[in-house]
Structures are given as structure tokens and as C-alpha cells.
Amino acid sequence: MKTGQFAFEAAGDPQAPPLLFLHGIGGAARAWRHQLAYFGNRFRAMAWDMPGYGGSEPLANVSIAALADALQAFLQQTATTKPILVGHSIGGMIVQQWLTRHKADAHAVVLAQTSPAFGKADGDWQKSFIAARLGPLDRGETMASLAPSLVKELVGDDPDAEGLALARDCMASVPAASYRAMMLALIGFDQRSALKDIAVPTLLLSGSKDNNAPAPMMAKMAGYVPAARYVELAGVGHLANLERPDAFNEALNGFLNSVVPTTANAP
């Protein structure tokens, strides 16, 4: 589907409570198909292609703030009000940024395998992180050639074979320009001081084998969010919804059952 400048996938009754999934830097709307199928019987489940991905038009200038503005535009163009937002990795950063201007506009949020900050542009860890991910492209590699190794670094123990294949396909399909822009958009992101202001029900979801958004960091992050729920998935790396879709869905479903009225949550 497409609305305005955005492409997205959806399942479920348009009148059902809206549940929107936001993918990470190496993802796509189709990375959420298992979740769309699972939750589409109770929600208007949607997944966007982030600007510059799939059929969505790129932004002229990419930043987390600009991506949050794009999220608001997407919600307006799809007539989506009071959504439950599920943001993975950079998608979770976008949700955090969006909340600073739309505190009361979400029904609930899920911050999955994400961080409240990336840090200083001149920090050694940050420079090393960016160089490690953009260096191969600078040396002539392509996203298709890099996809197998990039995905292998992200996953934990015994990932689902179909999910792993989909993760590689999504990564291989990311335009190199979009991948570069999103990586650089991370620099300087810092919403740590805003965590205390998140005023909607919140689930923080981590993987015990996630090296990009380590579980101890996410557990600490949860401590700053009022009334947050924290769930850690054992053996899971950075791509929980693809590595262990059933475990991810179970954790998300438990949270959704606590925040959506039973009558609206019935199949």
C-alpha cells in the first residue's frame, strides 16, 4: 500500500485499534509480516517502510527529528489516532523523539532493542561504530554483498531459518544511500533526559545476546521510564521479531493484553 510519500503493509480491520511497527536500519515493512499476520485478527496492524526504504520516498535531510516528523505525517496521512507504536532499534529512537512533541498522542509504546542515546559525534566508540559499518561501502562493497555478514553479527542463538533469510533479504535491499544516511543520523541522538516524561504504558524489550542494544543498558533505561515493563528474551540478538518470532509475539501480546480493553482485544 502507499499513502502520500509512504509505503506500508497492513492487516486487520481498519476500525480496530491501530498497532504500528517501525523497523530498524537494516529492515523494511516486510520484516514485520509475521507480526502483521499474528496481530491482524485483533488490531489494525501496520508496518511502514521508513523514508528512503522500499516504496517510501527519501527525506531531503535525514535526522532522528526529521524521521519523527515523518512518522507524524504518516499517522496523519493514514488517519491513525492513538496508536500503539512498536519501534525497533532506530525505530525506537524515532518513537522516543516523536513522544517529545506528542506525549499524549500514543495509546502505548514498545521500545524494542533500542537505546535512549547514541552519544557524541567525536566519541571513540561512536566513530568506530560508524566506520565499521560504512567502511565496507566506502571500499566498494554493496548492501547485497554485505547482508550475510551484517545479519550474522546481529543475531543470537539458533535464529529461525525463515526469519534469518528474511533479515538478509531486507538488509540486501536497503539502498546504500539510505543506510549511510540512517547511520549518520544516529550521531548525537540523546533522549535520556526525556525518559522520565514518557507518560503512556511502555514495554522495553531486549535480547540477552544483543550487542547493539545490550540488555543491561535497556534494563537501566526501563528504570527511568515511569511504570515501564521490562522483558528480556534469552539467547536473542538484535533482531528478536525475526530470530524468535513466537517469543517476540508472546511478549508483545502479554503487554497488549494489559493496555487494550478486552472487548477491543477479542478475536
C-alpha atoms as a PDB file:
ATOM      1  CA  MET A   1       0.000   0.000   0.000  1.00  0.00           C
ATOM      2  CA  LYS A   2       1.001   3.607  -0.375  1.00  0.00           C
ATOM      3  CA  THR A   3      -0.251   6.873   1.088  1.00  0.00           C
ATOM      4  CA  GLY A   4       1.426  10.113   0.072  1.00  0.00           C
ATOM      5  CA  GLN A   5       5.179   9.586   0.210  1.00  0.00           C
ATOM      6  CA  PHE A   6       4.955   6.447   2.357  1.00  0.00           C
ATOM      7  CA  ALA A   7       4.690   2.762   1.513  1.00  0.00           C
ATOM      8  CA  PHE A   8       3.411   0.365   4.150  1.00  0.00           C
ATOM      9  CA  GLU A   9       1.920  -3.060   4.764  1.00  0.00           C
ATOM     10  CA  ALA A  10      -1.212  -3.665   6.807  1.00  0.00           C
ATOM     11  CA  ALA A  11      -3.518  -6.368   8.081  1.00  0.00           C
ATOM     12  CA  GLY A  12      -6.741  -6.319  10.038  1.00  0.00           C
ATOM     13  CA  ASP A  13      -9.911  -4.272  10.342  1.00  0.00           C
ATOM     14  CA  PRO A  14      -9.308  -0.563   9.675  1.00  0.00           C
ATOM     15  CA  GLN A  15     -11.636   0.161  12.607  1.00  0.00           C
ATOM     16  CA  ALA A  16      -9.624  -1.933  15.065  1.00  0.00           C
ATOM     17  CA  PRO A  17      -7.108  -0.361  17.475  1.00  0.00           C
ATOM     18  CA  PRO A  18      -4.019   0.717  15.488  1.00  0.00           C
ATOM     19  CA  LEU A  19      -0.724  -1.075  16.050  1.00  0.00           C
ATOM     20  CA  LEU A  20       2.221   0.349  14.091  1.00  0.00           C
ATOM     21  CA  PHE A  21       5.615  -1.340  13.682  1.00  0.00           C
ATOM     22  CA  LEU A  22       8.747   0.681  12.864  1.00  0.00           C
ATOM     23  CA  HIS A  23      11.764  -1.248  11.589  1.00  0.00           C
ATOM     24  CA  GLY A  24      15.475  -0.709  12.112  1.00  0.00           C
ATOM     25  CA  ILE A  25      18.269   0.460   9.819  1.00  0.00           C
ATOM     26  CA  GLY A  26      18.561  -2.889   8.045  1.00  0.00           C
ATOM     27  CA  GLY A  27      14.857  -3.615   7.911  1.00  0.00           C
ATOM     28  CA  ALA A  28      11.719  -2.961   5.914  1.00  0.00           C
ATOM     29  CA  ALA A  29       7.971  -3.127   6.352  1.00  0.00           C
ATOM     30  CA  ARG A  30       8.027  -6.762   5.257  1.00  0.00           C
ATOM     31  CA  ALA A  31      10.284  -7.650   8.194  1.00  0.00           C
ATOM     32  CA  TRP A  32       7.114  -7.453  10.314  1.00  0.00           C
ATOM     33  CA  ARG A  33       4.932  -9.807   8.248  1.00  0.00           C
ATOM     34  CA  HIS A  34       4.878 -12.472  10.945  1.00  0.00           C
ATOM     35  CA  GLN A  35       3.635  -9.853  13.410  1.00  0.00           C
ATOM     36  CA  LEU A  36       1.087  -8.421  10.970  1.00  0.00           C
ATOM     37  CA  ALA A  37      -0.375 -11.898  10.457  1.00  0.00           C
ATOM     38  CA  TYR A  38      -0.382 -12.668  14.173  1.00  0.00           C
ATOM     39  CA  PHE A  39      -1.883  -9.403  15.423  1.00  0.00           C
ATOM     40  CA  GLY A  40      -4.060  -8.579  12.419  1.00  0.00           C
ATOM     41  CA  ASN A  41      -7.009 -10.501  13.850  1.00  0.00           C
ATOM     42  CA  ARG A  42      -7.312  -8.052  16.753  1.00  0.00           C
ATOM     43  CA  PHE A  43      -5.669  -4.827  15.590  1.00  0.00           C
ATOM     44  CA  ARG A  44      -5.225  -2.662  12.563  1.00  0.00           C
ATOM     45  CA  ALA A  45      -1.619  -3.845  12.314  1.00  0.00           C
ATOM     46  CA  MET A  46       0.623  -1.730  10.097  1.00  0.00           C
ATOM     47  CA  ALA A  47       4.321  -1.541   9.274  1.00  0.00           C
ATOM     48  CA  TRP A  48       5.832   1.353   7.378  1.00  0.00           C
ATOM     49  CA  ASP A  49       8.794   1.497   5.071  1.00  0.00           C
ATOM     50  CA  MET A  50      10.913   4.167   6.735  1.00  0.00           C
ATOM     51  CA  PRO A  51      11.653   7.149   4.443  1.00  0.00           C
ATOM     52  CA  GLY A  52      14.199   6.045   1.845  1.00  0.00           C
ATOM     53  CA  TYR A  53      13.217   2.363   2.175  1.00  0.00           C
ATOM     54  CA  GLY A  54      11.032   0.234  -0.077  1.00  0.00           C
ATOM     55  CA  GLY A  55       8.430   2.389  -1.747  1.00  0.00           C
ATOM     56  CA  SER A  56       8.775   5.320   0.680  1.00  0.00           C
ATOM     57  CA  GLU A  57      10.354   8.494  -0.617  1.00  0.00           C
ATOM     58  CA  PRO A  58      13.636   9.617   0.989  1.00  0.00           C
ATOM     59  CA  LEU A  59      13.940  12.739   3.081  1.00  0.00           C
ATOM     60  CA  ALA A  60      15.970  15.675   1.806  1.00  0.00           C
ATOM     61  CA  ASN A  61      17.805  15.852   5.137  1.00  0.00           C
ATOM     62  CA  VAL A  62      17.876  12.867   7.447  1.00  0.00           C
ATOM     63  CA  SER A  63      17.905  13.183  11.232  1.00  0.00           C
ATOM     64  CA  ILE A  64      16.030  11.467  14.025  1.00  0.00           C
ATOM     65  CA  ALA A  65      13.961  14.647  14.426  1.00  0.00           C
ATOM     66  CA  ALA A  66      13.097  14.650  10.720  1.00  0.00           C
ATOM     67  CA  LEU A  67      12.168  10.978  10.898  1.00  0.00           C
ATOM     68  CA  ALA A  68       9.892  11.711  13.874  1.00  0.00           C
ATOM     69  CA  ASP A  69       8.206  14.418  11.804  1.00  0.00           C
ATOM     70  CA  ALA A  70       7.820  11.850   9.012  1.00  0.00           C
ATOM     71  CA  LEU A  71       6.175   9.473  11.480  1.00  0.00           C
ATOM     72  CA  GLN A  72       3.676  12.175  12.399  1.00  0.00           C
ATOM     73  CA  ALA A  73       2.985  12.799   8.704  1.00  0.00           C
ATOM     74  CA  PHE A  74       2.433   9.067   8.174  1.00  0.00           C
ATOM     75  CA  LEU A  75      -0.034   8.912  11.078  1.00  0.00           C
ATOM     76  CA  GLN A  76      -1.929  11.874   9.681  1.00  0.00           C
ATOM     77  CA  GLN A  77      -1.998  10.508   6.146  1.00  0.00           C
ATOM     78  CA  THR A  78      -3.335   7.150   7.337  1.00  0.00           C
ATOM     79  CA  ALA A  79      -5.822   8.837   9.716  1.00  0.00           C
ATOM     80  CA  THR A  80      -4.256   6.931  12.606  1.00  0.00           C
ATOM     81  CA  THR A  81      -5.032   8.223  16.089  1.00  0.00           C
ATOM     82  CA  LYS A  82      -3.916   6.918  19.477  1.00  0.00           C
ATOM     83  CA  PRO A  83      -1.672   4.199  18.012  1.00  0.00           C
ATOM     84  CA  ILE A  84       0.347   1.614  19.853  1.00  0.00           C
ATOM     85  CA  LEU A  85       3.834   2.189  18.457  1.00  0.00           C
ATOM     86  CA  VAL A  86       6.390  -0.630  18.306  1.00  0.00           C
ATOM     87  CA  GLY A  87       9.802   0.807  17.465  1.00  0.00           C
ATOM     88  CA  HIS A  88      12.773  -1.479  16.871  1.00  0.00           C
ATOM     89  CA  SER A  89      16.338  -0.115  17.051  1.00  0.00           C
ATOM     90  CA  ILE A  90      16.341   3.228  15.195  1.00  0.00           C
ATOM     91  CA  GLY A  91      12.567   2.828  15.050  1.00  0.00           C
ATOM     92  CA  GLY A  92      12.583   3.007  18.839  1.00  0.00           C
ATOM     93  CA  MET A  93      14.677   6.165  18.699  1.00  0.00           C
ATOM     94  CA  ILE A  94      12.152   7.697  16.319  1.00  0.00           C
ATOM     95  CA  VAL A  95       9.356   6.826  18.748  1.00  0.00           C
ATOM     96  CA  GLN A  96      11.253   8.435  21.633  1.00  0.00           C
ATOM     97  CA  GLN A  97      11.828  11.593  19.588  1.00  0.00           C
ATOM     98  CA  TRP A  98       8.184  11.673  18.449  1.00  0.00           C
ATOM     99  CA  LEU A  99       6.982  11.418  22.050  1.00  0.00           C
ATOM    100  CA  THR A 100       8.767  14.647  22.985  1.00  0.00           C
ATOM    101  CA  ARG A 101       6.252  16.558  20.846  1.00  0.00           C
ATOM    102  CA  HIS A 102       3.285  14.185  21.030  1.00  0.00           C
ATOM    103  CA  LYS A 103       3.306  12.978  24.635  1.00  0.00           C
ATOM    104  CA  ALA A 104      -0.403  12.218  24.803  1.00  0.00           C
ATOM    105  CA  ASP A 105      -0.956  11.031  21.234  1.00  0.00           C
ATOM    106  CA  ALA A 106       0.039   7.376  21.658  1.00  0.00           C
ATOM    107  CA  HIS A 107      -2.022   4.739  23.428  1.00  0.00           C
ATOM    108  CA  ALA A 108       1.135   2.843  24.395  1.00  0.00           C
ATOM    109  CA  VAL A 109       4.668   2.294  23.131  1.00  0.00           C
ATOM    110  CA  VAL A 110       7.089  -0.598  22.811  1.00  0.00           C
ATOM    111  CA  LEU A 111      10.797   0.246  22.694  1.00  0.00           C
ATOM    112  CA  ALA A 112      12.387  -2.888  21.302  1.00  0.00           C
ATOM    113  CA  GLN A 113      16.152  -3.360  21.313  1.00  0.00           C
ATOM    114  CA  THR A 114      16.883   0.335  21.169  1.00  0.00           C
ATOM    115  CA  SER A 115      18.753   2.998  23.105  1.00  0.00           C
ATOM    116  CA  PRO A 116      17.973   6.434  24.545  1.00  0.00           C
ATOM    117  CA  ALA A 117      21.260   7.819  23.221  1.00  0.00           C
ATOM    118  CA  PHE A 118      23.995   7.244  20.666  1.00  0.00           C
ATOM    119  CA  GLY A 119      26.440   9.721  22.072  1.00  0.00           C
ATOM    120  CA  LYS A 120      28.910  12.354  20.988  1.00  0.00           C
ATOM    121  CA  ALA A 121      29.882  12.712  17.354  1.00  0.00           C
ATOM    122  CA  ASP A 122      33.555  12.752  18.325  1.00  0.00           C
ATOM    123  CA  GLY A 123      33.347   9.841  20.767  1.00  0.00           C
ATOM    124  CA  ASP A 124      35.756   6.982  20.077  1.00  0.00           C
ATOM    125  CA  TRP A 125      33.073   4.291  20.296  1.00  0.00           C
ATOM    126  CA  GLN A 126      30.725   6.226  18.043  1.00  0.00           C
ATOM    127  CA  LYS A 127      33.405   6.870  15.427  1.00  0.00           C
ATOM    128  CA  SER A 128      34.439   3.222  15.497  1.00  0.00           C
ATOM    129  CA  PHE A 129      30.812   2.075  15.155  1.00  0.00           C
ATOM    130  CA  ILE A 130      30.157   4.263  12.116  1.00  0.00           C
ATOM    131  CA  ALA A 131      33.486   3.414  10.482  1.00  0.00           C
ATOM    132  CA  ALA A 132      32.911  -0.316  10.886  1.00  0.00           C
ATOM    133  CA  ARG A 133      29.542  -0.101   9.152  1.00  0.00           C
ATOM    134  CA  LEU A 134      30.250   2.430   6.429  1.00  0.00           C
ATOM    135  CA  GLY A 135      33.861   1.491   5.714  1.00  0.00           C
ATOM    136  CA  PRO A 136      32.983  -1.556   3.582  1.00  0.00           C
ATOM    137  CA  LEU A 137      30.670   0.568   1.412  1.00  0.00           C
ATOM    138  CA  ASP A 138      33.462   3.113   1.014  1.00  0.00           C
ATOM    139  CA  ARG A 139      35.683   0.269  -0.191  1.00  0.00           C
ATOM    140  CA  GLY A 140      33.225  -0.793  -2.895  1.00  0.00           C
ATOM    141  CA  GLU A 141      31.078  -3.407  -1.187  1.00  0.00           C
ATOM    142  CA  THR A 142      27.313  -3.385  -1.761  1.00  0.00           C
ATOM    143  CA  MET A 143      24.455  -3.918   0.632  1.00  0.00           C
ATOM    144  CA  ALA A 144      23.744  -7.214  -1.105  1.00  0.00           C
ATOM    145  CA  SER A 145      27.311  -8.442  -0.622  1.00  0.00           C
ATOM    146  CA  LEU A 146      27.398  -7.249   2.993  1.00  0.00           C
ATOM    147  CA  ALA A 147      23.989  -8.532   4.047  1.00  0.00           C
ATOM    148  CA  PRO A 148      25.013 -12.077   5.106  1.00  0.00           C
ATOM    149  CA  SER A 149      27.839 -10.902   7.366  1.00  0.00           C
ATOM    150  CA  LEU A 150      25.894  -7.942   8.757  1.00  0.00           C
ATOM    151  CA  VAL A 151      22.936 -10.112   9.722  1.00  0.00           C
ATOM    152  CA  LYS A 152      25.179 -12.828  11.168  1.00  0.00           C
ATOM    153  CA  GLU A 153      26.683 -10.245  13.537  1.00  0.00           C
ATOM    154  CA  LEU A 154      23.240  -9.170  14.709  1.00  0.00           C
ATOM    155  CA  VAL A 155      21.584 -12.457  15.637  1.00  0.00           C
ATOM    156  CA  GLY A 156      21.861 -14.606  18.749  1.00  0.00           C
ATOM    157  CA  ASP A 157      21.460 -18.326  19.376  1.00  0.00           C
ATOM    158  CA  ASP A 158      19.578 -20.602  16.956  1.00  0.00           C
ATOM    159  CA  PRO A 159      17.684 -17.980  14.941  1.00  0.00           C
ATOM    160  CA  ASP A 160      14.621 -19.042  12.978  1.00  0.00           C
ATOM    161  CA  ALA A 161      15.753 -20.044   9.476  1.00  0.00           C
ATOM    162  CA  GLU A 162      12.938 -18.253   7.647  1.00  0.00           C
ATOM    163  CA  GLY A 163      13.391 -15.156   9.784  1.00  0.00           C
ATOM    164  CA  LEU A 164      17.123 -15.174   9.101  1.00  0.00           C
ATOM    165  CA  ALA A 165      16.519 -15.394   5.355  1.00  0.00           C
ATOM    166  CA  LEU A 166      14.066 -12.505   5.526  1.00  0.00           C
ATOM    167  CA  ALA A 167      16.541 -10.446   7.568  1.00  0.00           C
ATOM    168  CA  ARG A 168      19.220 -10.982   4.899  1.00  0.00           C
ATOM    169  CA  ASP A 169      16.786 -10.089   2.128  1.00  0.00           C
ATOM    170  CA  CYS A 170      15.715  -6.883   3.867  1.00  0.00           C
ATOM    171  CA  MET A 171      19.311  -5.865   4.559  1.00  0.00           C
ATOM    172  CA  ALA A 172      20.355  -6.571   0.974  1.00  0.00           C
ATOM    173  CA  SER A 173      17.517  -4.403  -0.333  1.00  0.00           C
ATOM    174  CA  VAL A 174      18.346  -1.287   1.684  1.00  0.00           C
ATOM    175  CA  PRO A 175      19.603   1.460  -0.654  1.00  0.00           C
ATOM    176  CA  ALA A 176      23.208   2.245   0.220  1.00  0.00           C
ATOM    177  CA  ALA A 177      22.392   5.956   0.390  1.00  0.00           C
ATOM    178  CA  SER A 178      19.626   5.301   2.916  1.00  0.00           C
ATOM    179  CA  TYR A 179      21.852   3.044   5.013  1.00  0.00           C
ATOM    180  CA  ARG A 180      24.537   5.744   5.123  1.00  0.00           C
ATOM    181  CA  ALA A 181      22.052   8.471   5.965  1.00  0.00           C
ATOM    182  CA  MET A 182      20.448   6.479   8.784  1.00  0.00           C
ATOM    183  CA  MET A 183      23.798   5.555  10.297  1.00  0.00           C
ATOM    184  CA  LEU A 184      24.892   9.196  10.315  1.00  0.00           C
ATOM    185  CA  ALA A 185      21.510  10.245  11.768  1.00  0.00           C
ATOM    186  CA  LEU A 186      22.374   8.316  14.921  1.00  0.00           C
ATOM    187  CA  ILE A 187      25.199  10.695  15.778  1.00  0.00           C
ATOM    188  CA  GLY A 188      24.301  12.979  18.624  1.00  0.00           C
ATOM    189  CA  PHE A 189      20.939  11.358  19.401  1.00  0.00           C
ATOM    190  CA  ASP A 190      20.239  11.699  23.117  1.00  0.00           C
ATOM    191  CA  GLN A 191      16.820  11.438  24.726  1.00  0.00           C
ATOM    192  CA  ARG A 192      17.960  10.221  28.138  1.00  0.00           C
ATOM    193  CA  SER A 193      16.562  13.260  29.909  1.00  0.00           C
ATOM    194  CA  ALA A 194      13.146  12.703  28.287  1.00  0.00           C
ATOM    195  CA  LEU A 195      12.658   9.135  29.541  1.00  0.00           C
ATOM    196  CA  LYS A 196      11.039  10.395  32.761  1.00  0.00           C
ATOM    197  CA  ASP A 197       8.448  12.245  30.677  1.00  0.00           C
ATOM    198  CA  ILE A 198       7.090   9.178  28.862  1.00  0.00           C
ATOM    199  CA  ALA A 199       3.540   9.177  30.174  1.00  0.00           C
ATOM    200  CA  VAL A 200       1.989   6.209  28.352  1.00  0.00           C
ATOM    201  CA  PRO A 201       2.227   2.483  29.116  1.00  0.00           C
ATOM    202  CA  THR A 202       5.636   1.326  27.915  1.00  0.00           C
ATOM    203  CA  LEU A 203       7.274  -2.023  27.266  1.00  0.00           C
ATOM    204  CA  LEU A 204      11.046  -2.212  26.944  1.00  0.00           C
ATOM    205  CA  LEU A 205      12.060  -5.409  25.168  1.00  0.00           C
ATOM    206  CA  SER A 206      15.653  -6.639  24.991  1.00  0.00           C
ATOM    207  CA  GLY A 207      17.626  -9.677  23.870  1.00  0.00           C
ATOM    208  CA  SER A 208      20.255 -11.199  26.149  1.00  0.00           C
ATOM    209  CA  LYS A 209      22.694 -11.616  23.235  1.00  0.00           C
ATOM    210  CA  ASP A 210      22.108  -8.171  21.711  1.00  0.00           C
ATOM    211  CA  ASN A 211      25.407  -6.315  21.333  1.00  0.00           C
ATOM    212  CA  ASN A 212      23.878  -3.204  19.736  1.00  0.00           C
ATOM    213  CA  ALA A 213      21.337  -2.507  22.487  1.00  0.00           C
ATOM    214  CA  PRO A 214      22.700  -4.559  25.396  1.00  0.00           C
ATOM    215  CA  ALA A 215      20.174  -5.945  27.851  1.00  0.00           C
ATOM    216  CA  PRO A 216      21.799  -4.344  30.938  1.00  0.00           C
ATOM    217  CA  MET A 217      21.571  -0.931  29.285  1.00  0.00           C
ATOM    218  CA  MET A 218      17.908  -1.486  28.408  1.00  0.00           C
ATOM    219  CA  ALA A 219      17.124  -2.682  31.923  1.00  0.00           C
ATOM    220  CA  LYS A 220      18.666   0.531  33.271  1.00  0.00           C
ATOM    221  CA  MET A 221      16.726   2.536  30.690  1.00  0.00           C
ATOM    222  CA  ALA A 222      13.487   0.956  31.890  1.00  0.00           C
ATOM    223  CA  GLY A 223      14.208   2.255  35.380  1.00  0.00           C
ATOM    224  CA  TYR A 224      13.857   5.835  34.159  1.00  0.00           C
ATOM    225  CA  VAL A 225      10.515   5.347  32.397  1.00  0.00           C
ATOM    226  CA  PRO A 226       7.539   5.691  34.762  1.00  0.00           C
ATOM    227  CA  ALA A 227       5.705   2.382  35.233  1.00  0.00           C
ATOM    228  CA  ALA A 228       7.656   0.692  32.427  1.00  0.00           C
ATOM    229  CA  ARG A 229       7.566  -3.061  31.932  1.00  0.00           C
ATOM    230  CA  TYR A 230      10.858  -4.747  31.030  1.00  0.00           C
ATOM    231  CA  VAL A 231      11.166  -8.107  29.248  1.00  0.00           C
ATOM    232  CA  GLU A 232      14.427  -9.806  28.274  1.00  0.00           C
ATOM    233  CA  LEU A 233      14.403 -12.636  25.737  1.00  0.00           C
ATOM    234  CA  ALA A 234      17.075 -15.233  26.488  1.00  0.00           C
ATOM    235  CA  GLY A 235      19.534 -16.102  23.727  1.00  0.00           C
ATOM    236  CA  VAL A 236      18.180 -13.454  21.362  1.00  0.00           C
ATOM    237  CA  GLY A 237      20.331 -10.986  19.452  1.00  0.00           C
ATOM    238  CA  HIS A 238      19.288  -7.687  17.877  1.00  0.00           C
ATOM    239  CA  LEU A 239      16.538  -8.972  15.569  1.00  0.00           C
ATOM    240  CA  ALA A 240      14.089 -10.530  18.022  1.00  0.00           C
ATOM    241  CA  ASN A 241      10.975 -10.392  15.841  1.00  0.00           C
ATOM    242  CA  LEU A 242      12.811 -12.302  13.089  1.00  0.00           C
ATOM    243  CA  GLU A 243      15.042 -14.546  15.215  1.00  0.00           C
ATOM    244  CA  ARG A 244      12.345 -15.720  17.610  1.00  0.00           C
ATOM    245  CA  PRO A 245       9.022 -14.523  16.205  1.00  0.00           C
ATOM    246  CA  ASP A 246       6.921 -16.647  18.556  1.00  0.00           C
ATOM    247  CA  ALA A 247       8.743 -15.429  21.673  1.00  0.00           C
ATOM    248  CA  PHE A 248       8.582 -11.836  20.440  1.00  0.00           C
ATOM    249  CA  ASN A 249       4.861 -12.120  19.709  1.00  0.00           C
ATOM    250  CA  GLU A 250       4.186 -13.698  23.087  1.00  0.00           C
ATOM    251  CA  ALA A 251       5.980 -10.909  24.928  1.00  0.00           C
ATOM    252  CA  LEU A 252       4.251  -8.228  22.886  1.00  0.00           C
ATOM    253  CA  ASN A 253       0.872  -9.914  23.244  1.00  0.00           C
ATOM    254  CA  GLY A 254       1.186 -10.007  27.035  1.00  0.00           C
ATOM    255  CA  PHE A 255       1.803  -6.272  27.062  1.00  0.00           C
ATOM    256  CA  LEU A 256      -1.012  -5.539  24.618  1.00  0.00           C
ATOM    257  CA  ASN A 257      -3.465  -7.519  26.728  1.00  0.00           C
ATOM    258  CA  SER A 258      -2.630  -5.223  29.634  1.00  0.00           C
ATOM    259  CA  VAL A 259      -3.195  -1.967  27.752  1.00  0.00           C
ATOM    260  CA  VAL A 260      -6.066  -2.703  25.366  1.00  0.00           C
ATOM    261  CA  PRO A 261      -9.590  -3.284  26.696  1.00  0.00           C
ATOM    262  CA  THR A 262     -10.698  -6.900  26.471  1.00  0.00           C
ATOM    263  CA  THR A 263     -13.631  -6.078  24.243  1.00  0.00           C
ATOM    264  CA  ALA A 264     -11.359  -4.419  21.698  1.00  0.00           C
ATOM    265  CA  ASN A 265      -8.769  -7.149  22.081  1.00  0.00           C
ATOM    266  CA  ALA A 266     -11.082 -10.064  21.333  1.00  0.00           C
ATOM    267  CA  PRO A 267     -10.521 -12.017  18.095  1.00  0.00           C
END
